[in-house]
Amino acid sequence: MAGGWAKDGAVSEQIEASINDELARLKARKSPTGESLTHCADCEELIPEARREALPGVKLCIDCAGQRDARTAPRSGPNRRGSKDLQLK
């Protein structure tokens, strides 16, 4: 049941739209292609053959890839319609 001026099912439509937007963003991301490196581009450790077969075009070992992923900033800002605590600040 929607309240105010919103039509019935508006919340479900918003959730679905958010999910579809995120899926489209993930599908648009470029994945590595081409020849995989045998050694990591950052630390020069040997990249296991199973990883090279699973991810064609891989350039980093698991440890370096994890460190690089941890350095990326979060994509979204604060939830402006979130908890009352955020609204009181």
Protein backbone atom coordinates (compact mmCIF):
# COMPACT_ATOMS: atom_id res chain seq x y z
CA MET A 1 0.00 0.00 0.00
CA ALA A 2 1.45 3.32 -1.03
CA GLY A 3 0.92 6.43 1.01
CA GLY A 4 0.53 10.04 0.04
CA TRP A 5 0.64 10.79 -3.67
CA ALA A 6 2.49 7.62 -4.66
CA LYS A 7 0.60 4.96 -6.58
CA ASP A 8 0.29 1.38 -5.39
CA GLY A 9 3.46 -0.62 -6.06
CA ALA A 10 5.69 2.46 -6.30
CA VAL A 11 8.15 1.13 -3.75
CA SER A 12 8.47 -2.19 -5.58
CA GLU A 13 9.05 -0.32 -8.83
CA GLN A 14 11.81 1.75 -7.22
CA ILE A 15 13.51 -1.36 -5.86
CA GLU A 16 13.28 -3.10 -9.23
CA ALA A 17 14.65 -0.05 -11.03
CA SER A 18 17.59 0.14 -8.61
CA ILE A 19 18.39 -3.54 -9.13
CA ASN A 20 18.17 -3.21 -12.92
CA ASP A 21 20.43 -0.13 -12.89
CA GLU A 22 23.07 -1.94 -10.82
CA LEU A 23 22.92 -5.04 -13.03
CA ALA A 24 23.35 -2.88 -16.14
CA ARG A 25 26.32 -1.13 -14.53
CA LEU A 26 27.97 -4.45 -13.67
CA LYS A 27 27.38 -5.86 -17.16
CA ALA A 28 28.90 -2.72 -18.73
CA ARG A 29 32.14 -3.15 -16.74
CA LYS A 30 35.00 -4.26 -18.90
CA SER A 31 36.44 -7.62 -17.97
CA PRO A 32 40.02 -8.55 -18.76
CA THR A 33 40.53 -10.19 -22.14
CA GLY A 34 43.47 -11.48 -24.08
CA GLU A 35 46.52 -13.34 -22.90
CA SER A 36 46.98 -13.79 -19.15
CA LEU A 37 50.28 -12.95 -17.56
CA THR A 38 52.20 -15.78 -15.92
CA HIS A 39 53.52 -13.45 -13.21
CA CYS A 40 51.73 -10.64 -11.33
CA ALA A 41 52.18 -7.17 -12.79
CA ASP A 42 52.58 -5.66 -9.29
CA CYS A 43 54.56 -8.12 -7.16
CA GLU A 44 55.95 -10.50 -9.83
CA GLU A 45 54.63 -13.60 -7.98
CA LEU A 46 53.57 -16.56 -10.10
CA ILE A 47 49.85 -16.48 -10.97
CA PRO A 48 48.40 -20.00 -10.55
CA GLU A 49 47.34 -21.69 -13.78
CA ALA A 50 43.80 -22.25 -12.44
CA ARG A 51 43.38 -18.47 -11.98
CA ARG A 52 44.74 -17.77 -15.47
CA GLU A 53 42.25 -20.24 -16.98
CA ALA A 54 39.31 -18.95 -14.93
CA LEU A 55 39.98 -15.27 -15.75
CA PRO A 56 41.32 -14.79 -19.28
CA GLY A 57 43.54 -11.71 -19.41
CA VAL A 58 44.28 -11.67 -15.68
CA LYS A 59 47.25 -9.47 -14.75
CA LEU A 60 47.31 -9.60 -10.94
CA CYS A 61 47.68 -12.37 -8.35
CA ILE A 62 44.88 -12.89 -5.82
CA ASP A 63 46.61 -10.89 -3.06
CA CYS A 64 47.32 -7.85 -5.24
CA ALA A 65 43.83 -7.93 -6.76
CA GLY A 66 42.34 -8.01 -3.26
CA GLN A 67 44.46 -5.06 -2.15
CA ARG A 68 43.47 -3.08 -5.24
CA ASP A 69 39.78 -3.84 -4.68
CA ALA A 70 40.06 -2.75 -1.03
CA ARG A 71 41.48 0.63 -2.11
CA THR A 72 38.52 1.53 -4.31
CA ALA A 73 36.16 4.07 -2.79
CA PRO A 74 32.57 3.14 -2.08
CA ARG A 75 30.24 4.08 -4.91
CA SER A 76 27.30 5.51 -3.01
CA GLY A 77 26.94 8.34 -0.53
CA PRO A 78 24.99 8.35 2.69
CA ASN A 79 21.40 7.18 2.70
CA ARG A 80 19.56 10.46 3.00
CA ARG A 81 16.25 8.77 3.76
CA GLY A 82 17.83 6.36 6.22
CA SER A 83 17.54 6.14 9.96
CA LYS A 84 16.31 8.88 12.25
CA ASP A 85 19.84 9.16 13.66
CA LEU A 86 21.10 10.43 10.31
CA GLN A 87 18.23 12.87 10.05
CA LEU A 88 18.95 14.33 13.48
CA LYS A 89 22.60 15.13 12.74
